[in-house]
Amino acid sequence: MTATQRPGVIDCLVNVHFGETAKQPEFMLKVRDDYFKGPRSLYDPVELPALLDEMDEHGVARAILMDNLAKPSVTARKFVAARPDRFSLAMGGINLLRPVPALRELAALSVDLPVTYAVVGPSFWGDGMYPPSDAVYYPLYAKCAELELPLCVNTGLPGPPIPGEVQNPIHLDRVCVRFPELKLCMIHGADPWWDVAIRLMIKYANLRLMTSAWSPKRLPESLLHYMRTRGKNKIIFASDWPVLRQSRVVPEAQALDLPVDMLDNYLYNNADEFFFGGGRQQKGSAL
């Protein structure tokens, strides 16, 4: 592949819904001010032309926008309707304590909308009481495997001051044993358990890791070594925009000490294969 034919970037986690909330929860303000030290405008509403301009400037061909079953994002669905060639959805907000109606809705939306993956954050619901190995997740795992819908699970200590032990990737060990058919991706890195995450990916063919919310220049050398060796198809790029802007993280990623083919895998090919491979995404309409 020549330089002019390089595939560009897929940004696998973009938040356009923050501006829909008149008053952010206290923990979100703490994340902005204390953890990421972001500007006060971080959670302002976003306009479609501005996002497309940033994507075009940095070669981002497609972005996956966060959505929510319990509180649908008007902005995300509007952007998908306007530009189905550039956007698809990641669906969270799944009530695991009342799984049957929630999973029926997830299945229906996966037919009607371009839902690329489902997502759950163990620290962010149930007061952080349920690790991913708990049976409360099993209906979700079974339904995603049945739908051939990838599932992303937050791993690593979360930024907000909430319990984090449930996001230790070791809890996915039993999940991968019991659900080998499930396409599973750890998101938001795995700090401070990077080596556990890497060992699990070596062990299980169905497991990936997304570096959303991580500045590429801050990624540990152990992960970069894995990307150069046994993990060529395992690590997936994402920004967590606007927490980290594409204007920052795409150039940082392109500056990593990775061979060109492995950098293309990280920025585009691995996501294209894992999330969009086999034409599954085309089953959904644009709205």
C-alpha atoms as a PDB file:
ATOM      1  CA  MET A   1       0.000   0.000   0.000  1.00  0.00           C
ATOM      2  CA  THR A   2       1.439   3.383  -0.999  1.00  0.00           C
ATOM      3  CA  ALA A   3       1.259   6.478   1.184  1.00  0.00           C
ATOM      4  CA  THR A   4      -1.592   7.859  -0.948  1.00  0.00           C
ATOM      5  CA  GLN A   5      -3.559   4.648  -0.401  1.00  0.00           C
ATOM      6  CA  ARG A   6      -3.223   4.517   3.370  1.00  0.00           C
ATOM      7  CA  PRO A   7      -6.610   3.969   4.982  1.00  0.00           C
ATOM      8  CA  GLY A   8      -6.820   6.915   7.386  1.00  0.00           C
ATOM      9  CA  VAL A   9      -8.427   6.720  10.821  1.00  0.00           C
ATOM     10  CA  ILE A  10     -11.518   5.268  12.481  1.00  0.00           C
ATOM     11  CA  ASP A  11     -12.294   7.030  15.764  1.00  0.00           C
ATOM     12  CA  CYS A  12     -14.164   4.387  17.727  1.00  0.00           C
ATOM     13  CA  LEU A  13     -15.467   6.481  20.630  1.00  0.00           C
ATOM     14  CA  VAL A  14     -16.805  10.017  20.220  1.00  0.00           C
ATOM     15  CA  ASN A  15     -19.168  11.830  22.593  1.00  0.00           C
ATOM     16  CA  VAL A  16     -21.532  14.353  21.011  1.00  0.00           C
ATOM     17  CA  HIS A  17     -24.207  14.078  23.705  1.00  0.00           C
ATOM     18  CA  PHE A  18     -22.567  16.063  26.510  1.00  0.00           C
ATOM     19  CA  GLY A  19     -24.158  19.330  25.396  1.00  0.00           C
ATOM     20  CA  GLU A  20     -27.659  17.852  25.707  1.00  0.00           C
ATOM     21  CA  THR A  21     -27.419  18.006  29.510  1.00  0.00           C
ATOM     22  CA  ALA A  22     -28.191  21.423  31.005  1.00  0.00           C
ATOM     23  CA  LYS A  23     -26.247  20.636  34.199  1.00  0.00           C
ATOM     24  CA  GLN A  24     -23.558  17.987  34.266  1.00  0.00           C
ATOM     25  CA  PRO A  25     -23.380  15.616  37.268  1.00  0.00           C
ATOM     26  CA  GLU A  26     -20.803  16.542  39.876  1.00  0.00           C
ATOM     27  CA  PHE A  27     -18.563  13.590  38.977  1.00  0.00           C
ATOM     28  CA  MET A  28     -18.430  14.765  35.338  1.00  0.00           C
ATOM     29  CA  LEU A  29     -17.319  18.216  36.464  1.00  0.00           C
ATOM     30  CA  LYS A  30     -14.620  16.609  38.610  1.00  0.00           C
ATOM     31  CA  VAL A  31     -13.418  14.617  35.617  1.00  0.00           C
ATOM     32  CA  ARG A  32     -13.211  17.794  33.551  1.00  0.00           C
ATOM     33  CA  ASP A  33     -11.578  19.976  36.203  1.00  0.00           C
ATOM     34  CA  ASP A  34      -9.468  17.604  38.307  1.00  0.00           C
ATOM     35  CA  TYR A  35      -8.637  14.624  36.090  1.00  0.00           C
ATOM     36  CA  PHE A  36      -8.363  15.880  32.500  1.00  0.00           C
ATOM     37  CA  LYS A  37      -8.028  19.576  33.433  1.00  0.00           C
ATOM     38  CA  GLY A  38     -10.113  20.432  30.399  1.00  0.00           C
ATOM     39  CA  PRO A  39     -11.636  23.786  29.433  1.00  0.00           C
ATOM     40  CA  ARG A  40     -15.038  24.853  30.763  1.00  0.00           C
ATOM     41  CA  SER A  41     -16.323  24.506  27.193  1.00  0.00           C
ATOM     42  CA  LEU A  42     -15.614  20.741  27.216  1.00  0.00           C
ATOM     43  CA  TYR A  43     -19.287  19.826  27.592  1.00  0.00           C
ATOM     44  CA  ASP A  44     -20.713  22.498  25.285  1.00  0.00           C
ATOM     45  CA  PRO A  45     -23.060  21.459  22.454  1.00  0.00           C
ATOM     46  CA  VAL A  46     -21.330  20.419  19.227  1.00  0.00           C
ATOM     47  CA  GLU A  47     -22.357  21.258  15.686  1.00  0.00           C
ATOM     48  CA  LEU A  48     -22.022  18.747  12.849  1.00  0.00           C
ATOM     49  CA  PRO A  49     -19.893  20.955  10.529  1.00  0.00           C
ATOM     50  CA  ALA A  50     -17.347  21.598  13.291  1.00  0.00           C
ATOM     51  CA  LEU A  51     -16.931  17.887  14.029  1.00  0.00           C
ATOM     52  CA  LEU A  52     -16.668  17.010  10.340  1.00  0.00           C
ATOM     53  CA  ASP A  53     -14.055  19.733   9.848  1.00  0.00           C
ATOM     54  CA  GLU A  54     -11.912  18.276  12.643  1.00  0.00           C
ATOM     55  CA  MET A  55     -12.341  14.757  11.256  1.00  0.00           C
ATOM     56  CA  ASP A  56     -11.414  15.845   7.732  1.00  0.00           C
ATOM     57  CA  GLU A  57      -8.370  17.782   8.920  1.00  0.00           C
ATOM     58  CA  HIS A  58      -6.972  14.707  10.646  1.00  0.00           C
ATOM     59  CA  GLY A  59      -7.998  11.998   8.192  1.00  0.00           C
ATOM     60  CA  VAL A  60     -10.765  10.472  10.321  1.00  0.00           C
ATOM     61  CA  ALA A  61     -12.935   8.575   7.847  1.00  0.00           C
ATOM     62  CA  ARG A  62     -15.550   7.390  10.361  1.00  0.00           C
ATOM     63  CA  ALA A  63     -16.515   7.987  13.984  1.00  0.00           C
ATOM     64  CA  ILE A  64     -18.622   5.895  16.346  1.00  0.00           C
ATOM     65  CA  LEU A  65     -20.903   8.093  18.476  1.00  0.00           C
ATOM     66  CA  MET A  66     -22.021   7.204  21.979  1.00  0.00           C
ATOM     67  CA  ASP A  67     -25.778   6.678  22.391  1.00  0.00           C
ATOM     68  CA  ASN A  68     -27.956   5.403  25.214  1.00  0.00           C
ATOM     69  CA  LEU A  69     -31.001   3.127  25.433  1.00  0.00           C
ATOM     70  CA  ALA A  70     -32.356   4.828  28.548  1.00  0.00           C
ATOM     71  CA  LYS A  71     -31.666   8.373  27.349  1.00  0.00           C
ATOM     72  CA  PRO A  72     -31.256   8.450  23.557  1.00  0.00           C
ATOM     73  CA  SER A  73     -28.876  11.073  22.213  1.00  0.00           C
ATOM     74  CA  VAL A  74     -30.742  13.410  19.889  1.00  0.00           C
ATOM     75  CA  THR A  75     -27.441  14.769  18.603  1.00  0.00           C
ATOM     76  CA  ALA A  76     -25.867  11.374  17.855  1.00  0.00           C
ATOM     77  CA  ARG A  77     -28.904  10.125  15.983  1.00  0.00           C
ATOM     78  CA  LYS A  78     -29.207  13.411  14.062  1.00  0.00           C
ATOM     79  CA  PHE A  79     -25.571  13.172  12.976  1.00  0.00           C
ATOM     80  CA  VAL A  80     -26.020   9.552  11.892  1.00  0.00           C
ATOM     81  CA  ALA A  81     -29.121  10.468   9.885  1.00  0.00           C
ATOM     82  CA  ALA A  82     -27.299  13.330   8.177  1.00  0.00           C
ATOM     83  CA  ARG A  83     -24.057  11.450   7.421  1.00  0.00           C
ATOM     84  CA  PRO A  84     -24.467   7.675   7.601  1.00  0.00           C
ATOM     85  CA  ASP A  85     -21.274   7.403   5.568  1.00  0.00           C
ATOM     86  CA  ARG A  86     -19.291   8.962   8.432  1.00  0.00           C
ATOM     87  CA  PHE A  87     -21.078   7.962  11.640  1.00  0.00           C
ATOM     88  CA  SER A  88     -22.534   4.977  13.455  1.00  0.00           C
ATOM     89  CA  LEU A  89     -23.613   4.342  17.059  1.00  0.00           C
ATOM     90  CA  ALA A  90     -22.338   2.696  20.243  1.00  0.00           C
ATOM     91  CA  MET A  91     -25.266   1.766  22.490  1.00  0.00           C
ATOM     92  CA  GLY A  92     -25.040   1.996  26.285  1.00  0.00           C
ATOM     93  CA  GLY A  93     -27.614   2.513  29.020  1.00  0.00           C
ATOM     94  CA  ILE A  94     -28.613  -1.160  29.133  1.00  0.00           C
ATOM     95  CA  ASN A  95     -30.492  -2.071  32.325  1.00  0.00           C
ATOM     96  CA  LEU A  96     -28.881  -5.347  33.379  1.00  0.00           C
ATOM     97  CA  LEU A  97     -31.210  -5.735  36.386  1.00  0.00           C
ATOM     98  CA  ARG A  98     -34.231  -5.849  34.055  1.00  0.00           C
ATOM     99  CA  PRO A  99     -32.519  -7.377  31.044  1.00  0.00           C
ATOM    100  CA  VAL A 100     -35.379  -8.796  28.964  1.00  0.00           C
ATOM    101  CA  PRO A 101     -37.034  -5.510  27.869  1.00  0.00           C
ATOM    102  CA  ALA A 102     -33.667  -3.770  27.535  1.00  0.00           C
ATOM    103  CA  LEU A 103     -32.232  -6.489  25.332  1.00  0.00           C
ATOM    104  CA  ARG A 104     -35.374  -6.639  23.217  1.00  0.00           C
ATOM    105  CA  GLU A 105     -34.921  -2.919  22.593  1.00  0.00           C
ATOM    106  CA  LEU A 106     -31.233  -3.384  21.819  1.00  0.00           C
ATOM    107  CA  ALA A 107     -32.050  -6.089  19.277  1.00  0.00           C
ATOM    108  CA  ALA A 108     -34.711  -3.889  17.628  1.00  0.00           C
ATOM    109  CA  LEU A 109     -32.426  -0.866  17.440  1.00  0.00           C
ATOM    110  CA  SER A 110     -29.670  -2.987  15.934  1.00  0.00           C
ATOM    111  CA  VAL A 111     -32.005  -3.660  13.011  1.00  0.00           C
ATOM    112  CA  ASP A 112     -33.262  -0.099  12.598  1.00  0.00           C
ATOM    113  CA  LEU A 113     -30.055   1.847  13.311  1.00  0.00           C
ATOM    114  CA  PRO A 114     -26.361   1.356  12.486  1.00  0.00           C
ATOM    115  CA  VAL A 115     -25.369   0.152  15.960  1.00  0.00           C
ATOM    116  CA  THR A 116     -21.695  -0.813  15.778  1.00  0.00           C
ATOM    117  CA  TYR A 117     -21.297  -2.063  19.334  1.00  0.00           C
ATOM    118  CA  ALA A 118     -22.933  -2.225  22.749  1.00  0.00           C
ATOM    119  CA  VAL A 119     -21.105  -0.786  25.745  1.00  0.00           C
ATOM    120  CA  VAL A 120     -21.192  -1.166  29.522  1.00  0.00           C
ATOM    121  CA  GLY A 121     -19.111   0.475  32.265  1.00  0.00           C
ATOM    122  CA  PRO A 122     -18.962  -1.730  35.399  1.00  0.00           C
ATOM    123  CA  SER A 123     -17.954   1.161  37.678  1.00  0.00           C
ATOM    124  CA  PHE A 124     -20.747   3.402  36.404  1.00  0.00           C
ATOM    125  CA  TRP A 125     -23.842   1.413  37.329  1.00  0.00           C
ATOM    126  CA  GLY A 126     -24.998  -0.651  40.275  1.00  0.00           C
ATOM    127  CA  ASP A 127     -22.701   1.411  42.542  1.00  0.00           C
ATOM    128  CA  GLY A 128     -19.747  -0.540  41.160  1.00  0.00           C
ATOM    129  CA  MET A 129     -20.942  -3.743  42.843  1.00  0.00           C
ATOM    130  CA  TYR A 130     -20.919  -6.095  39.852  1.00  0.00           C
ATOM    131  CA  PRO A 131     -17.683  -7.170  38.127  1.00  0.00           C
ATOM    132  CA  PRO A 132     -18.067  -8.409  34.533  1.00  0.00           C
ATOM    133  CA  SER A 133     -17.739 -12.016  35.734  1.00  0.00           C
ATOM    134  CA  ASP A 134     -21.045 -11.653  37.633  1.00  0.00           C
ATOM    135  CA  ALA A 135     -24.028 -13.511  36.178  1.00  0.00           C
ATOM    136  CA  VAL A 136     -25.976 -10.246  35.979  1.00  0.00           C
ATOM    137  CA  TYR A 137     -24.093  -9.607  32.700  1.00  0.00           C
ATOM    138  CA  TYR A 138     -24.802 -13.006  31.184  1.00  0.00           C
ATOM    139  CA  PRO A 139     -28.024 -12.083  29.332  1.00  0.00           C
ATOM    140  CA  LEU A 140     -26.148  -9.190  27.686  1.00  0.00           C
ATOM    141  CA  TYR A 141     -23.266 -11.463  26.688  1.00  0.00           C
ATOM    142  CA  ALA A 142     -25.611 -14.062  25.248  1.00  0.00           C
ATOM    143  CA  LYS A 143     -27.670 -11.489  23.307  1.00  0.00           C
ATOM    144  CA  CYS A 144     -24.603  -9.755  21.848  1.00  0.00           C
ATOM    145  CA  ALA A 145     -23.165 -13.103  20.780  1.00  0.00           C
ATOM    146  CA  GLU A 146     -26.517 -14.024  19.208  1.00  0.00           C
ATOM    147  CA  LEU A 147     -26.707 -10.694  17.347  1.00  0.00           C
ATOM    148  CA  GLU A 148     -22.999 -10.872  16.392  1.00  0.00           C
ATOM    149  CA  LEU A 149     -22.797  -7.430  17.992  1.00  0.00           C
ATOM    150  CA  PRO A 150     -19.433  -6.564  19.580  1.00  0.00           C
ATOM    151  CA  LEU A 151     -19.516  -5.578  23.235  1.00  0.00           C
ATOM    152  CA  CYS A 152     -17.171  -3.008  24.771  1.00  0.00           C
ATOM    153  CA  VAL A 153     -16.495  -3.056  28.527  1.00  0.00           C
ATOM    154  CA  ASN A 154     -14.732  -0.292  30.465  1.00  0.00           C
ATOM    155  CA  THR A 155     -11.472  -1.475  32.008  1.00  0.00           C
ATOM    156  CA  GLY A 156      -8.874   0.299  34.118  1.00  0.00           C
ATOM    157  CA  LEU A 157      -9.409   2.629  37.055  1.00  0.00           C
ATOM    158  CA  PRO A 158     -12.044   5.225  36.079  1.00  0.00           C
ATOM    159  CA  GLY A 159     -11.372   8.949  36.247  1.00  0.00           C
ATOM    160  CA  PRO A 160     -14.373   9.853  38.431  1.00  0.00           C
ATOM    161  CA  PRO A 161     -14.172   9.154  42.186  1.00  0.00           C
ATOM    162  CA  ILE A 162     -16.197   5.928  42.006  1.00  0.00           C
ATOM    163  CA  PRO A 163     -15.247   2.304  42.797  1.00  0.00           C
ATOM    164  CA  GLY A 164     -12.777   0.935  40.250  1.00  0.00           C
ATOM    165  CA  GLU A 165     -11.900  -2.634  41.267  1.00  0.00           C
ATOM    166  CA  VAL A 166     -14.720  -4.049  39.122  1.00  0.00           C
ATOM    167  CA  GLN A 167     -12.878  -2.731  36.052  1.00  0.00           C
ATOM    168  CA  ASN A 168      -9.809  -4.902  36.584  1.00  0.00           C
ATOM    169  CA  PRO A 169      -9.553  -6.812  33.272  1.00  0.00           C
ATOM    170  CA  ILE A 170      -8.960 -10.096  35.138  1.00  0.00           C
ATOM    171  CA  HIS A 171     -12.744 -10.266  35.566  1.00  0.00           C
ATOM    172  CA  LEU A 172     -12.992 -10.863  31.804  1.00  0.00           C
ATOM    173  CA  ASP A 173     -11.022 -14.105  32.090  1.00  0.00           C
ATOM    174  CA  ARG A 174     -14.108 -16.135  33.034  1.00  0.00           C
ATOM    175  CA  VAL A 175     -16.203 -14.224  30.490  1.00  0.00           C
ATOM    176  CA  CYS A 176     -13.929 -15.222  27.621  1.00  0.00           C
ATOM    177  CA  VAL A 177     -13.962 -18.840  28.776  1.00  0.00           C
ATOM    178  CA  ARG A 178     -17.749 -19.004  28.947  1.00  0.00           C
ATOM    179  CA  PHE A 179     -18.541 -16.860  25.888  1.00  0.00           C
ATOM    180  CA  PRO A 180     -15.909 -17.598  23.213  1.00  0.00           C
ATOM    181  CA  GLU A 181     -18.417 -16.532  20.537  1.00  0.00           C
ATOM    182  CA  LEU A 182     -18.641 -13.000  21.989  1.00  0.00           C
ATOM    183  CA  LYS A 183     -16.609 -10.262  20.289  1.00  0.00           C
ATOM    184  CA  LEU A 184     -15.307  -8.406  23.345  1.00  0.00           C
ATOM    185  CA  CYS A 185     -13.276  -5.206  23.579  1.00  0.00           C
ATOM    186  CA  MET A 186     -11.784  -3.514  26.632  1.00  0.00           C
ATOM    187  CA  ILE A 187     -12.121   0.285  26.370  1.00  0.00           C
ATOM    188  CA  HIS A 188     -10.395   3.253  28.020  1.00  0.00           C
ATOM    189  CA  GLY A 189      -7.164   1.281  28.294  1.00  0.00           C
ATOM    190  CA  ALA A 190      -6.405  -0.889  31.324  1.00  0.00           C
ATOM    191  CA  ASP A 191      -4.339   1.215  33.715  1.00  0.00           C
ATOM    192  CA  PRO A 192      -2.827   0.076  36.084  1.00  0.00           C
ATOM    193  CA  TRP A 193      -3.465  -3.480  34.837  1.00  0.00           C
ATOM    194  CA  TRP A 194      -1.950  -3.236  31.338  1.00  0.00           C
ATOM    195  CA  ASP A 195       0.023  -6.466  31.679  1.00  0.00           C
ATOM    196  CA  VAL A 196      -3.094  -8.379  32.745  1.00  0.00           C
ATOM    197  CA  ALA A 197      -4.957  -7.049  29.707  1.00  0.00           C
ATOM    198  CA  ILE A 198      -2.114  -8.007  27.374  1.00  0.00           C
ATOM    199  CA  ARG A 199      -1.886 -11.505  28.813  1.00  0.00           C
ATOM    200  CA  LEU A 200      -5.641 -11.968  28.362  1.00  0.00           C
ATOM    201  CA  MET A 201      -5.454 -10.864  24.718  1.00  0.00           C
ATOM    202  CA  ILE A 202      -2.674 -13.381  24.090  1.00  0.00           C
ATOM    203  CA  LYS A 203      -4.866 -16.038  25.673  1.00  0.00           C
ATOM    204  CA  TYR A 204      -8.203 -15.248  23.963  1.00  0.00           C
ATOM    205  CA  ALA A 205      -8.773 -14.759  20.231  1.00  0.00           C
ATOM    206  CA  ASN A 206     -12.047 -12.855  20.740  1.00  0.00           C
ATOM    207  CA  LEU A 207     -10.616 -10.091  22.964  1.00  0.00           C
ATOM    208  CA  ARG A 208      -9.398  -6.624  21.910  1.00  0.00           C
ATOM    209  CA  LEU A 209      -8.375  -3.372  23.636  1.00  0.00           C
ATOM    210  CA  MET A 210      -9.307   0.202  22.692  1.00  0.00           C
ATOM    211  CA  THR A 211      -7.106   3.112  23.787  1.00  0.00           C
ATOM    212  CA  SER A 212      -9.961   5.625  24.136  1.00  0.00           C
ATOM    213  CA  ALA A 213      -9.380   8.392  26.717  1.00  0.00           C
ATOM    214  CA  TRP A 214      -5.620   7.749  26.542  1.00  0.00           C
ATOM    215  CA  SER A 215      -3.124  10.121  25.019  1.00  0.00           C
ATOM    216  CA  PRO A 216      -1.109   7.900  22.631  1.00  0.00           C
ATOM    217  CA  LYS A 217       2.157   9.388  23.878  1.00  0.00           C
ATOM    218  CA  ARG A 218       1.232   8.160  27.385  1.00  0.00           C
ATOM    219  CA  LEU A 219       0.665   4.547  26.357  1.00  0.00           C
ATOM    220  CA  PRO A 220       3.022   2.167  28.187  1.00  0.00           C
ATOM    221  CA  GLU A 221       5.958   0.640  26.375  1.00  0.00           C
ATOM    222  CA  SER A 222       4.649  -2.844  27.205  1.00  0.00           C
ATOM    223  CA  LEU A 223       1.549  -2.144  25.084  1.00  0.00           C
ATOM    224  CA  LEU A 224       3.581  -0.690  22.196  1.00  0.00           C
ATOM    225  CA  HIS A 225       5.831  -3.769  22.265  1.00  0.00           C
ATOM    226  CA  TYR A 226       2.732  -5.973  22.120  1.00  0.00           C
ATOM    227  CA  MET A 227       1.419  -3.938  19.149  1.00  0.00           C
ATOM    228  CA  ARG A 228       4.706  -4.518  17.301  1.00  0.00           C
ATOM    229  CA  THR A 229       4.736  -8.271  18.001  1.00  0.00           C
ATOM    230  CA  ARG A 230       1.860 -10.587  18.938  1.00  0.00           C
ATOM    231  CA  GLY A 231      -0.806  -7.895  19.126  1.00  0.00           C
ATOM    232  CA  LYS A 232      -0.740  -6.546  15.571  1.00  0.00           C
ATOM    233  CA  ASN A 233      -4.506  -7.018  15.138  1.00  0.00           C
ATOM    234  CA  LYS A 234      -5.583  -6.468  18.752  1.00  0.00           C
ATOM    235  CA  ILE A 235      -5.288  -2.762  19.620  1.00  0.00           C
ATOM    236  CA  ILE A 236      -7.874  -0.239  18.400  1.00  0.00           C
ATOM    237  CA  PHE A 237      -7.647   3.556  18.285  1.00  0.00           C
ATOM    238  CA  ALA A 238     -10.225   5.965  19.738  1.00  0.00           C
ATOM    239  CA  SER A 239     -10.160   9.478  21.149  1.00  0.00           C
ATOM    240  CA  ASP A 240     -13.051   9.817  23.646  1.00  0.00           C
ATOM    241  CA  TRP A 241     -13.682  13.166  21.917  1.00  0.00           C
ATOM    242  CA  PRO A 242     -14.073  15.911  23.165  1.00  0.00           C
ATOM    243  CA  VAL A 243     -12.281  14.785  26.358  1.00  0.00           C
ATOM    244  CA  LEU A 244      -9.290  14.239  24.070  1.00  0.00           C
ATOM    245  CA  ARG A 245      -9.597  15.995  20.728  1.00  0.00           C
ATOM    246  CA  GLN A 246      -8.687  14.344  17.448  1.00  0.00           C
ATOM    247  CA  SER A 247      -6.444  17.345  16.834  1.00  0.00           C
ATOM    248  CA  ARG A 248      -4.297  16.078  19.705  1.00  0.00           C
ATOM    249  CA  VAL A 249      -4.488  12.296  19.656  1.00  0.00           C
ATOM    250  CA  VAL A 250      -4.280  11.576  15.914  1.00  0.00           C
ATOM    251  CA  PRO A 251      -0.913  13.361  15.501  1.00  0.00           C
ATOM    252  CA  GLU A 252       0.334  11.731  18.699  1.00  0.00           C
ATOM    253  CA  ALA A 253      -0.654   8.306  17.372  1.00  0.00           C
ATOM    254  CA  GLN A 254       1.025   8.967  14.028  1.00  0.00           C
ATOM    255  CA  ALA A 255       4.222   9.882  15.901  1.00  0.00           C
ATOM    256  CA  LEU A 256       4.412   6.549  17.748  1.00  0.00           C
ATOM    257  CA  ASP A 257       7.411   4.310  17.130  1.00  0.00           C
ATOM    258  CA  LEU A 258       5.465   1.791  15.070  1.00  0.00           C
ATOM    259  CA  PRO A 259       6.063   0.433  11.564  1.00  0.00           C
ATOM    260  CA  VAL A 260       3.703   1.927   8.986  1.00  0.00           C
ATOM    261  CA  ASP A 261       1.651  -1.247   8.552  1.00  0.00           C
ATOM    262  CA  MET A 262       1.171  -1.645  12.300  1.00  0.00           C
ATOM    263  CA  LEU A 263       0.217   2.020  12.664  1.00  0.00           C
ATOM    264  CA  ASP A 264      -2.406   1.536   9.942  1.00  0.00           C
ATOM    265  CA  ASN A 265      -3.704  -1.490  11.837  1.00  0.00           C
ATOM    266  CA  TYR A 266      -4.004   0.570  15.021  1.00  0.00           C
ATOM    267  CA  LEU A 267      -5.642   3.603  13.424  1.00  0.00           C
ATOM    268  CA  TYR A 268      -7.952   1.866  10.950  1.00  0.00           C
ATOM    269  CA  ASN A 269      -7.621  -1.793   9.986  1.00  0.00           C
ATOM    270  CA  ASN A 270      -8.198  -3.420  13.379  1.00  0.00           C
ATOM    271  CA  ALA A 271     -11.392  -1.441  13.983  1.00  0.00           C
ATOM    272  CA  ASP A 272     -12.575  -2.036  10.423  1.00  0.00           C
ATOM    273  CA  GLU A 273     -12.161  -5.789  10.835  1.00  0.00           C
ATOM    274  CA  PHE A 274     -13.493  -6.090  14.380  1.00  0.00           C
ATOM    275  CA  PHE A 275     -16.436  -3.691  14.235  1.00  0.00           C
ATOM    276  CA  PHE A 276     -17.338  -3.481  10.534  1.00  0.00           C
ATOM    277  CA  GLY A 277     -16.036  -6.752   9.053  1.00  0.00           C
ATOM    278  CA  GLY A 278     -18.251  -9.045   7.002  1.00  0.00           C
ATOM    279  CA  GLY A 279     -20.813  -6.384   6.087  1.00  0.00           C
ATOM    280  CA  ARG A 280     -22.692  -6.698   9.399  1.00  0.00           C
ATOM    281  CA  GLN A 281     -22.916  -2.920   9.813  1.00  0.00           C
ATOM    282  CA  GLN A 282     -24.811  -2.508   6.568  1.00  0.00           C
ATOM    283  CA  LYS A 283     -27.858  -4.287   8.003  1.00  0.00           C
ATOM    284  CA  GLY A 284     -28.963  -1.107   9.797  1.00  0.00           C
ATOM    285  CA  SER A 285     -30.515   1.866   8.024  1.00  0.00           C
ATOM    286  CA  ALA A 286     -29.502   5.439   8.721  1.00  0.00           C
ATOM    287  CA  LEU A 287     -32.743   6.222  10.625  1.00  0.00           C
END
